[in-house]
Amino acid sequence: MDSLLPMTGLLVLAVALLASAGDRRTKLLDRRIQRLERKVDLLLAHVGAEEPEDPRMAEMDELLVRGKTVQAIKLHRELTGSSLLEAKEAVERRMR
């Protein structure tokens, strides 16, 4: 029984190290994606092009006309993969 305590401690330490390494990798990839998105935005602006809008955005506009803001936010999240806050802000901008 006494020999299990050090083994358990090592196991917990190994799991913590693996989780930490995965978190660092995720943060690194997130930063790289953000940089790439900024570059694509700059390229689109430079050539005067706009990102094509998803045809389902018209469906979102129809939901807004009918006063179904929550459903519009949900649809925006489905279409873009944005967070709740980002979707709420985008829908509010679209309502103006």
PDB file of N, CA and C in Angstrom:
ATOM      1  N   MET A   1       0.826  -1.190   0.000  1.00  0.00           N
ATOM      2  CA  MET A   1       0.000   0.000   0.000  1.00  0.00           C
ATOM      3  C   MET A   1       0.867   1.248   0.000  1.00  0.00           C
ATOM      4  N   ASP A   2       1.959   1.232   0.790  1.00  0.00           N
ATOM      5  CA  ASP A   2       2.841   2.396   0.849  1.00  0.00           C
ATOM      6  C   ASP A   2       3.541   2.642  -0.482  1.00  0.00           C
ATOM      7  N   SER A   3       3.761   1.598  -1.252  1.00  0.00           N
ATOM      8  CA  SER A   3       4.446   1.765  -2.530  1.00  0.00           C
ATOM      9  C   SER A   3       3.519   2.372  -3.589  1.00  0.00           C
ATOM     10  N   LEU A   4       2.220   2.360  -3.380  1.00  0.00           N
ATOM     11  CA  LEU A   4       1.279   2.932  -4.339  1.00  0.00           C
ATOM     12  C   LEU A   4       1.238   4.452  -4.268  1.00  0.00           C
ATOM     13  N   LEU A   5       1.539   5.015  -3.111  1.00  0.00           N
ATOM     14  CA  LEU A   5       1.478   6.465  -2.949  1.00  0.00           C
ATOM     15  C   LEU A   5       2.442   7.188  -3.880  1.00  0.00           C
ATOM     16  N   PRO A   6       3.715   6.809  -3.954  1.00  0.00           N
ATOM     17  CA  PRO A   6       4.612   7.490  -4.900  1.00  0.00           C
ATOM     18  C   PRO A   6       4.188   7.274  -6.350  1.00  0.00           C
ATOM     19  N   MET A   7       3.687   6.100  -6.680  1.00  0.00           N
ATOM     20  CA  MET A   7       3.244   5.814  -8.043  1.00  0.00           C
ATOM     21  C   MET A   7       2.045   6.693  -8.414  1.00  0.00           C
ATOM     22  N   THR A   8       1.126   6.870  -7.475  1.00  0.00           N
ATOM     23  CA  THR A   8      -0.039   7.711  -7.711  1.00  0.00           C
ATOM     24  C   THR A   8       0.391   9.157  -7.925  1.00  0.00           C
ATOM     25  N   GLY A   9       1.337   9.608  -7.122  1.00  0.00           N
ATOM     26  CA  GLY A   9       1.858  10.967  -7.271  1.00  0.00           C
ATOM     27  C   GLY A   9       2.506  11.173  -8.629  1.00  0.00           C
ATOM     28  N   LEU A  10       3.265  10.197  -9.089  1.00  0.00           N
ATOM     29  CA  LEU A  10       3.897  10.291 -10.401  1.00  0.00           C
ATOM     30  C   LEU A  10       2.851  10.308 -11.513  1.00  0.00           C
ATOM     31  N   LEU A  11       1.826   9.516 -11.349  1.00  0.00           N
ATOM     32  CA  LEU A  11       0.763   9.469 -12.346  1.00  0.00           C
ATOM     33  C   LEU A  11       0.040  10.817 -12.429  1.00  0.00           C
ATOM     34  N   VAL A  12      -0.258  11.396 -11.293  1.00  0.00           N
ATOM     35  CA  VAL A  12      -0.922  12.703 -11.261  1.00  0.00           C
ATOM     36  C   VAL A  12      -0.025  13.759 -11.906  1.00  0.00           C
ATOM     37  N   LEU A  13       1.265  13.731 -11.605  1.00  0.00           N
ATOM     38  CA  LEU A  13       2.209  14.675 -12.194  1.00  0.00           C
ATOM     39  C   LEU A  13       2.279  14.506 -13.707  1.00  0.00           C
ATOM     40  N   ALA A  14       2.308  13.274 -14.178  1.00  0.00           N
ATOM     41  CA  ALA A  14       2.370  13.011 -15.621  1.00  0.00           C
ATOM     42  C   ALA A  14       1.124  13.534 -16.324  1.00  0.00           C
ATOM     43  N   VAL A  15      -0.042  13.325 -15.743  1.00  0.00           N
ATOM     44  CA  VAL A  15      -1.292  13.814 -16.335  1.00  0.00           C
ATOM     45  C   VAL A  15      -1.297  15.342 -16.366  1.00  0.00           C
ATOM     46  N   ALA A  16      -0.833  15.973 -15.299  1.00  0.00           N
ATOM     47  CA  ALA A  16      -0.781  17.436 -15.248  1.00  0.00           C
ATOM     48  C   ALA A  16       0.155  17.985 -16.315  1.00  0.00           C
ATOM     49  N   LEU A  17       1.306  17.341 -16.498  1.00  0.00           N
ATOM     50  CA  LEU A  17       2.253  17.800 -17.525  1.00  0.00           C
ATOM     51  C   LEU A  17       1.673  17.651 -18.923  1.00  0.00           C
ATOM     52  N   LEU A  18       1.000  16.550 -19.182  1.00  0.00           N
ATOM     53  CA  LEU A  18       0.382  16.342 -20.487  1.00  0.00           C
ATOM     54  C   LEU A  18      -0.716  17.373 -20.756  1.00  0.00           C
ATOM     55  N   ALA A  19      -1.510  17.658 -19.760  1.00  0.00           N
ATOM     56  CA  ALA A  19      -2.584  18.639 -19.915  1.00  0.00           C
ATOM     57  C   ALA A  19      -1.998  20.025 -20.173  1.00  0.00           C
ATOM     58  N   SER A  20      -0.938  20.358 -19.470  1.00  0.00           N
ATOM     59  CA  SER A  20      -0.292  21.656 -19.648  1.00  0.00           C
ATOM     60  C   SER A  20       0.297  21.788 -21.049  1.00  0.00           C
ATOM     61  N   ALA A  21       0.917  20.741 -21.548  1.00  0.00           N
ATOM     62  CA  ALA A  21       1.502  20.773 -22.888  1.00  0.00           C
ATOM     63  C   ALA A  21       0.412  20.926 -23.936  1.00  0.00           C
ATOM     64  N   GLY A  22      -0.705  20.257 -23.746  1.00  0.00           N
ATOM     65  CA  GLY A  22      -1.826  20.374 -24.681  1.00  0.00           C
ATOM     66  C   GLY A  22      -2.408  21.772 -24.681  1.00  0.00           C
ATOM     67  N   ASP A  23      -2.502  22.386 -23.502  1.00  0.00           N
ATOM     68  CA  ASP A  23      -3.022  23.743 -23.382  1.00  0.00           C
ATOM     69  C   ASP A  23      -2.103  24.735 -24.085  1.00  0.00           C
ATOM     70  N   ARG A  24      -0.799  24.568 -23.917  1.00  0.00           N
ATOM     71  CA  ARG A  24       0.158  25.460 -24.590  1.00  0.00           C
ATOM     72  C   ARG A  24       0.046  25.323 -26.089  1.00  0.00           C
ATOM     73  N   ARG A  25      -0.099  24.094 -26.559  1.00  0.00           N
ATOM     74  CA  ARG A  25      -0.226  23.845 -28.004  1.00  0.00           C
ATOM     75  C   ARG A  25      -1.492  24.498 -28.546  1.00  0.00           C
ATOM     76  N   THR A  26      -2.582  24.400 -27.809  1.00  0.00           N
ATOM     77  CA  THR A  26      -3.837  25.011 -28.230  1.00  0.00           C
ATOM     78  C   THR A  26      -3.697  26.518 -28.317  1.00  0.00           C
ATOM     79  N   LYS A  27      -3.070  27.126 -27.318  1.00  0.00           N
ATOM     80  CA  LYS A  27      -2.880  28.579 -27.334  1.00  0.00           C
ATOM     81  C   LYS A  27      -2.003  29.005 -28.505  1.00  0.00           C
ATOM     82  N   LEU A  28      -0.971  28.242 -28.787  1.00  0.00           N
ATOM     83  CA  LEU A  28      -0.096  28.542 -29.913  1.00  0.00           C
ATOM     84  C   LEU A  28      -0.877  28.485 -31.226  1.00  0.00           C
ATOM     85  N   LEU A  29      -1.682  27.453 -31.389  1.00  0.00           N
ATOM     86  CA  LEU A  29      -2.476  27.324 -32.614  1.00  0.00           C
ATOM     87  C   LEU A  29      -3.509  28.439 -32.724  1.00  0.00           C
ATOM     88  N   ASP A  30      -4.117  28.823 -31.618  1.00  0.00           N
ATOM     89  CA  ASP A  30      -5.076  29.926 -31.632  1.00  0.00           C
ATOM     90  C   ASP A  30      -4.408  31.223 -32.093  1.00  0.00           C
ATOM     91  N   ARG A  31      -3.208  31.494 -31.589  1.00  0.00           N
ATOM     92  CA  ARG A  31      -2.489  32.711 -31.997  1.00  0.00           C
ATOM     93  C   ARG A  31      -2.146  32.664 -33.480  1.00  0.00           C
ATOM     94  N   ARG A  32      -1.733  31.499 -33.972  1.00  0.00           N
ATOM     95  CA  ARG A  32      -1.404  31.361 -35.396  1.00  0.00           C
ATOM     96  C   ARG A  32      -2.641  31.580 -36.262  1.00  0.00           C
ATOM     97  N   ILE A  33      -3.764  31.056 -35.845  1.00  0.00           N
ATOM     98  CA  ILE A  33      -5.001  31.239 -36.600  1.00  0.00           C
ATOM     99  C   ILE A  33      -5.395  32.710 -36.623  1.00  0.00           C
ATOM    100  N   GLN A  34      -5.273  33.393 -35.496  1.00  0.00           N
ATOM    101  CA  GLN A  34      -5.596  34.821 -35.441  1.00  0.00           C
ATOM    102  C   GLN A  34      -4.714  35.619 -36.391  1.00  0.00           C
ATOM    103  N   ARG A  35      -3.411  35.301 -36.428  1.00  0.00           N
ATOM    104  CA  ARG A  35      -2.501  35.997 -37.345  1.00  0.00           C
ATOM    105  C   ARG A  35      -2.888  35.740 -38.793  1.00  0.00           C
ATOM    106  N   LEU A  36      -3.215  34.503 -39.112  1.00  0.00           N
ATOM    107  CA  LEU A  36      -3.619  34.168 -40.472  1.00  0.00           C
ATOM    108  C   LEU A  36      -4.913  34.884 -40.865  1.00  0.00           C
ATOM    109  N   GLU A  37      -5.863  34.948 -39.946  1.00  0.00           N
ATOM    110  CA  GLU A  37      -7.115  35.646 -40.239  1.00  0.00           C
ATOM    111  C   GLU A  37      -6.871  37.130 -40.494  1.00  0.00           C
ATOM    112  N   ARG A  38      -5.977  37.750 -39.714  1.00  0.00           N
ATOM    113  CA  ARG A  38      -5.648  39.164 -39.946  1.00  0.00           C
ATOM    114  C   ARG A  38      -5.025  39.352 -41.323  1.00  0.00           C
ATOM    115  N   LYS A  39      -4.131  38.434 -41.696  1.00  0.00           N
ATOM    116  CA  LYS A  39      -3.482  38.533 -43.004  1.00  0.00           C
ATOM    117  C   LYS A  39      -4.492  38.382 -44.129  1.00  0.00           C
ATOM    118  N   VAL A  40      -5.402  37.436 -44.009  1.00  0.00           N
ATOM    119  CA  VAL A  40      -6.424  37.248 -45.040  1.00  0.00           C
ATOM    120  C   VAL A  40      -7.298  38.495 -45.135  1.00  0.00           C
ATOM    121  N   ASP A  41      -7.672  39.064 -43.986  1.00  0.00           N
ATOM    122  CA  ASP A  41      -8.470  40.292 -43.988  1.00  0.00           C
ATOM    123  C   ASP A  41      -7.729  41.423 -44.696  1.00  0.00           C
ATOM    124  N   LEU A  42      -6.427  41.548 -44.435  1.00  0.00           N
ATOM    125  CA  LEU A  42      -5.637  42.582 -45.101  1.00  0.00           C
ATOM    126  C   LEU A  42      -5.577  42.347 -46.609  1.00  0.00           C
ATOM    127  N   LEU A  43      -5.399  41.099 -47.012  1.00  0.00           N
ATOM    128  CA  LEU A  43      -5.363  40.788 -48.445  1.00  0.00           C
ATOM    129  C   LEU A  43      -6.698  41.102 -49.117  1.00  0.00           C
ATOM    130  N   LEU A  44      -7.796  40.726 -48.479  1.00  0.00           N
ATOM    131  CA  LEU A  44      -9.111  41.018 -49.038  1.00  0.00           C
ATOM    132  C   LEU A  44      -9.327  42.520 -49.163  1.00  0.00           C
ATOM    133  N   ALA A  45      -8.921  43.273 -48.143  1.00  0.00           N
ATOM    134  CA  ALA A  45      -9.066  44.728 -48.187  1.00  0.00           C
ATOM    135  C   ALA A  45      -8.187  45.321 -49.286  1.00  0.00           C
ATOM    136  N   HIS A  46      -6.993  44.792 -49.460  1.00  0.00           N
ATOM    137  CA  HIS A  46      -6.057  45.311 -50.463  1.00  0.00           C
ATOM    138  C   HIS A  46      -6.602  45.156 -51.885  1.00  0.00           C
ATOM    139  N   VAL A  47      -7.228  44.030 -52.166  1.00  0.00           N
ATOM    140  CA  VAL A  47      -7.753  43.805 -53.513  1.00  0.00           C
ATOM    141  C   VAL A  47      -9.199  44.296 -53.649  1.00  0.00           C
ATOM    142  N   GLY A  48      -9.752  44.821 -52.573  1.00  0.00           N
ATOM    143  CA  GLY A  48     -11.104  45.362 -52.618  1.00  0.00           C
ATOM    144  C   GLY A  48     -12.180  44.297 -52.680  1.00  0.00           C
ATOM    145  N   ALA A  49     -11.868  43.125 -52.191  1.00  0.00           N
ATOM    146  CA  ALA A  49     -12.837  42.026 -52.206  1.00  0.00           C
ATOM    147  C   ALA A  49     -13.446  41.861 -50.824  1.00  0.00           C
ATOM    148  N   GLU A  50     -14.634  41.304 -50.815  1.00  0.00           N
ATOM    149  CA  GLU A  50     -15.290  40.999 -49.551  1.00  0.00           C
ATOM    150  C   GLU A  50     -15.522  39.497 -49.469  1.00  0.00           C
ATOM    151  N   GLU A  51     -15.526  39.006 -48.274  1.00  0.00           N
ATOM    152  CA  GLU A  51     -15.817  37.592 -48.078  1.00  0.00           C
ATOM    153  C   GLU A  51     -17.265  37.342 -48.467  1.00  0.00           C
ATOM    154  N   PRO A  52     -17.513  36.329 -49.288  1.00  0.00           N
ATOM    155  CA  PRO A  52     -18.905  36.072 -49.687  1.00  0.00           C
ATOM    156  C   PRO A  52     -19.759  35.725 -48.474  1.00  0.00           C
ATOM    157  N   GLU A  53     -20.957  36.257 -48.471  1.00  0.00           N
ATOM    158  CA  GLU A  53     -21.851  36.027 -47.341  1.00  0.00           C
ATOM    159  C   GLU A  53     -22.607  34.721 -47.539  1.00  0.00           C
ATOM    160  N   ASP A  54     -22.739  33.980 -46.462  1.00  0.00           N
ATOM    161  CA  ASP A  54     -23.496  32.730 -46.492  1.00  0.00           C
ATOM    162  C   ASP A  54     -24.954  33.047 -46.828  1.00  0.00           C
ATOM    163  N   PRO A  55     -25.546  32.325 -47.753  1.00  0.00           N
ATOM    164  CA  PRO A  55     -26.949  32.582 -48.117  1.00  0.00           C
ATOM    165  C   PRO A  55     -27.910  32.444 -46.932  1.00  0.00           C
ATOM    166  N   ARG A  56     -27.510  31.693 -45.921  1.00  0.00           N
ATOM    167  CA  ARG A  56     -28.395  31.529 -44.759  1.00  0.00           C
ATOM    168  C   ARG A  56     -28.431  32.776 -43.882  1.00  0.00           C
ATOM    169  N   MET A  57     -27.564  33.762 -44.182  1.00  0.00           N
ATOM    170  CA  MET A  57     -27.634  35.016 -43.434  1.00  0.00           C
ATOM    171  C   MET A  57     -28.960  35.717 -43.714  1.00  0.00           C
ATOM    172  N   ALA A  58     -29.536  35.496 -44.910  1.00  0.00           N
ATOM    173  CA  ALA A  58     -30.859  36.046 -45.213  1.00  0.00           C
ATOM    174  C   ALA A  58     -31.897  35.449 -44.264  1.00  0.00           C
ATOM    175  N   GLU A  59     -31.720  34.186 -43.924  1.00  0.00           N
ATOM    176  CA  GLU A  59     -32.602  33.542 -42.953  1.00  0.00           C
ATOM    177  C   GLU A  59     -32.468  34.219 -41.588  1.00  0.00           C
ATOM    178  N   MET A  60     -31.250  34.582 -41.242  1.00  0.00           N
ATOM    179  CA  MET A  60     -31.019  35.275 -39.976  1.00  0.00           C
ATOM    180  C   MET A  60     -31.702  36.646 -39.999  1.00  0.00           C
ATOM    181  N   ASP A  61     -31.606  37.351 -41.130  1.00  0.00           N
ATOM    182  CA  ASP A  61     -32.270  38.657 -41.251  1.00  0.00           C
ATOM    183  C   ASP A  61     -33.785  38.509 -41.096  1.00  0.00           C
ATOM    184  N   GLU A  62     -34.345  37.449 -41.670  1.00  0.00           N
ATOM    185  CA  GLU A  62     -35.779  37.202 -41.545  1.00  0.00           C
ATOM    186  C   GLU A  62     -36.162  36.956 -40.077  1.00  0.00           C
ATOM    187  N   LEU A  63     -35.333  36.226 -39.366  1.00  0.00           N
ATOM    188  CA  LEU A  63     -35.592  36.018 -37.934  1.00  0.00           C
ATOM    189  C   LEU A  63     -35.582  37.347 -37.188  1.00  0.00           C
ATOM    190  N   LEU A  64     -34.671  38.225 -37.544  1.00  0.00           N
ATOM    191  CA  LEU A  64     -34.592  39.533 -36.881  1.00  0.00           C
ATOM    192  C   LEU A  64     -35.827  40.373 -37.186  1.00  0.00           C
ATOM    193  N   VAL A  65     -36.293  40.327 -38.419  1.00  0.00           N
ATOM    194  CA  VAL A  65     -37.497  41.080 -38.796  1.00  0.00           C
ATOM    195  C   VAL A  65     -38.685  40.605 -37.973  1.00  0.00           C
ATOM    196  N   ARG A  66     -38.730  39.307 -37.703  1.00  0.00           N
ATOM    197  CA  ARG A  66     -39.837  38.747 -36.920  1.00  0.00           C
ATOM    198  C   ARG A  66     -39.620  38.896 -35.414  1.00  0.00           C
ATOM    199  N   GLY A  67     -38.513  39.539 -35.010  1.00  0.00           N
ATOM    200  CA  GLY A  67     -38.260  39.763 -33.586  1.00  0.00           C
ATOM    201  C   GLY A  67     -37.701  38.563 -32.854  1.00  0.00           C
ATOM    202  N   LYS A  68     -37.164  37.598 -33.581  1.00  0.00           N
ATOM    203  CA  LYS A  68     -36.628  36.380 -32.965  1.00  0.00           C
ATOM    204  C   LYS A  68     -35.109  36.491 -32.846  1.00  0.00           C
ATOM    205  N   THR A  69     -34.698  37.385 -31.968  1.00  0.00           N
ATOM    206  CA  THR A  69     -33.278  37.679 -31.809  1.00  0.00           C
ATOM    207  C   THR A  69     -32.492  36.474 -31.295  1.00  0.00           C
ATOM    208  N   VAL A  70     -33.036  35.759 -30.347  1.00  0.00           N
ATOM    209  CA  VAL A  70     -32.331  34.608 -29.771  1.00  0.00           C
ATOM    210  C   VAL A  70     -32.076  33.549 -30.839  1.00  0.00           C
ATOM    211  N   GLN A  71     -33.079  33.282 -31.668  1.00  0.00           N
ATOM    212  CA  GLN A  71     -32.903  32.299 -32.740  1.00  0.00           C
ATOM    213  C   GLN A  71     -31.880  32.798 -33.771  1.00  0.00           C
ATOM    214  N   ALA A  72     -31.870  34.119 -34.017  1.00  0.00           N
ATOM    215  CA  ALA A  72     -30.895  34.693 -34.952  1.00  0.00           C
ATOM    216  C   ALA A  72     -29.478  34.527 -34.411  1.00  0.00           C
ATOM    217  N   ILE A  73     -29.302  34.737 -33.119  1.00  0.00           N
ATOM    218  CA  ILE A  73     -27.986  34.555 -32.500  1.00  0.00           C
ATOM    219  C   ILE A  73     -27.559  33.096 -32.597  1.00  0.00           C
ATOM    220  N   LYS A  74     -28.496  32.202 -32.332  1.00  0.00           N
ATOM    221  CA  LYS A  74     -28.193  30.769 -32.425  1.00  0.00           C
ATOM    222  C   LYS A  74     -27.789  30.394 -33.844  1.00  0.00           C
ATOM    223  N   LEU A  75     -28.510  30.886 -34.838  1.00  0.00           N
ATOM    224  CA  LEU A  75     -28.186  30.600 -36.233  1.00  0.00           C
ATOM    225  C   LEU A  75     -26.813  31.175 -36.593  1.00  0.00           C
ATOM    226  N   HIS A  76     -26.523  32.389 -36.120  1.00  0.00           N
ATOM    227  CA  HIS A  76     -25.212  33.000 -36.394  1.00  0.00           C
ATOM    228  C   HIS A  76     -24.098  32.122 -35.838  1.00  0.00           C
ATOM    229  N   ARG A  77     -24.286  31.613 -34.640  1.00  0.00           N
ATOM    230  CA  ARG A  77     -23.274  30.737 -34.038  1.00  0.00           C
ATOM    231  C   ARG A  77     -23.088  29.473 -34.857  1.00  0.00           C
ATOM    232  N   GLU A  78     -24.185  28.911 -35.347  1.00  0.00           N
ATOM    233  CA  GLU A  78     -24.095  27.701 -36.174  1.00  0.00           C
ATOM    234  C   GLU A  78     -23.329  27.973 -37.466  1.00  0.00           C
ATOM    235  N   LEU A  79     -23.604  29.122 -38.080  1.00  0.00           N
ATOM    236  CA  LEU A  79     -22.996  29.458 -39.368  1.00  0.00           C
ATOM    237  C   LEU A  79     -21.529  29.817 -39.251  1.00  0.00           C
ATOM    238  N   THR A  80     -21.176  30.494 -38.170  1.00  0.00           N
ATOM    239  CA  THR A  80     -19.817  31.043 -38.072  1.00  0.00           C
ATOM    240  C   THR A  80     -18.931  30.343 -37.056  1.00  0.00           C
ATOM    241  N   GLY A  81     -19.526  29.624 -36.121  1.00  0.00           N
ATOM    242  CA  GLY A  81     -18.727  29.006 -35.065  1.00  0.00           C
ATOM    243  C   GLY A  81     -18.268  30.011 -34.024  1.00  0.00           C
ATOM    244  N   SER A  82     -18.898  31.172 -33.997  1.00  0.00           N
ATOM    245  CA  SER A  82     -18.496  32.215 -33.056  1.00  0.00           C
ATOM    246  C   SER A  82     -19.007  31.910 -31.652  1.00  0.00           C
ATOM    247  N   SER A  83     -18.430  32.624 -30.690  1.00  0.00           N
ATOM    248  CA  SER A  83     -18.878  32.478 -29.307  1.00  0.00           C
ATOM    249  C   SER A  83     -20.226  33.172 -29.139  1.00  0.00           C
ATOM    250  N   LEU A  84     -20.845  32.955 -28.010  1.00  0.00           N
ATOM    251  CA  LEU A  84     -22.139  33.584 -27.743  1.00  0.00           C
ATOM    252  C   LEU A  84     -22.019  35.109 -27.779  1.00  0.00           C
ATOM    253  N   LEU A  85     -20.983  35.640 -27.153  1.00  0.00           N
ATOM    254  CA  LEU A  85     -20.795  37.084 -27.120  1.00  0.00           C
ATOM    255  C   LEU A  85     -20.547  37.642 -28.521  1.00  0.00           C
ATOM    256  N   GLU A  86     -19.686  36.985 -29.287  1.00  0.00           N
ATOM    257  CA  GLU A  86     -19.406  37.442 -30.650  1.00  0.00           C
ATOM    258  C   GLU A  86     -20.670  37.415 -31.508  1.00  0.00           C
ATOM    259  N   ALA A  87     -21.453  36.353 -31.381  1.00  0.00           N
ATOM    260  CA  ALA A  87     -22.687  36.243 -32.160  1.00  0.00           C
ATOM    261  C   ALA A  87     -23.680  37.316 -31.762  1.00  0.00           C
ATOM    262  N   LYS A  88     -23.805  37.566 -30.463  1.00  0.00           N
ATOM    263  CA  LYS A  88     -24.732  38.594 -29.982  1.00  0.00           C
ATOM    264  C   LYS A  88     -24.338  39.950 -30.539  1.00  0.00           C
ATOM    265  N   GLU A  89     -23.049  40.282 -30.483  1.00  0.00           N
ATOM    266  CA  GLU A  89     -22.586  41.571 -30.991  1.00  0.00           C
ATOM    267  C   GLU A  89     -22.799  41.678 -32.505  1.00  0.00           C
ATOM    268  N   ALA A  90     -22.541  40.595 -33.234  1.00  0.00           N
ATOM    269  CA  ALA A  90     -22.716  40.611 -34.685  1.00  0.00           C
ATOM    270  C   ALA A  90     -24.187  40.788 -35.056  1.00  0.00           C
ATOM    271  N   VAL A  91     -25.070  40.106 -34.348  1.00  0.00           N
ATOM    272  CA  VAL A  91     -26.501  40.228 -34.626  1.00  0.00           C
ATOM    273  C   VAL A  91     -26.976  41.640 -34.288  1.00  0.00           C
ATOM    274  N   GLU A  92     -26.491  42.194 -33.199  1.00  0.00           N
ATOM    275  CA  GLU A  92     -26.869  43.562 -32.833  1.00  0.00           C
ATOM    276  C   GLU A  92     -26.400  44.558 -33.890  1.00  0.00           C
ATOM    277  N   ARG A  93     -25.192  44.356 -34.431  1.00  0.00           N
ATOM    278  CA  ARG A  93     -24.697  45.235 -35.507  1.00  0.00           C
ATOM    279  C   ARG A  93     -25.580  45.103 -36.738  1.00  0.00           C
ATOM    280  N   ARG A  94     -26.014  43.894 -37.023  1.00  0.00           N
ATOM    281  CA  ARG A  94     -26.845  43.649 -38.202  1.00  0.00           C
ATOM    282  C   ARG A  94     -28.237  44.267 -38.033  1.00  0.00           C
ATOM    283  N   MET A  95     -28.697  44.414 -36.803  1.00  0.00           N
ATOM    284  CA  MET A  95     -30.018  44.984 -36.542  1.00  0.00           C
ATOM    285  C   MET A  95     -30.039  46.486 -36.797  1.00  0.00           C
ATOM    286  N   ARG A  96     -28.902  47.135 -36.765  1.00  0.00           N
ATOM    287  CA  ARG A  96     -28.860  48.602 -36.920  1.00  0.00           C
ATOM    288  C   ARG A  96     -29.150  49.029 -38.319  1.00  0.00           C
TER     289      ARG A  96
END
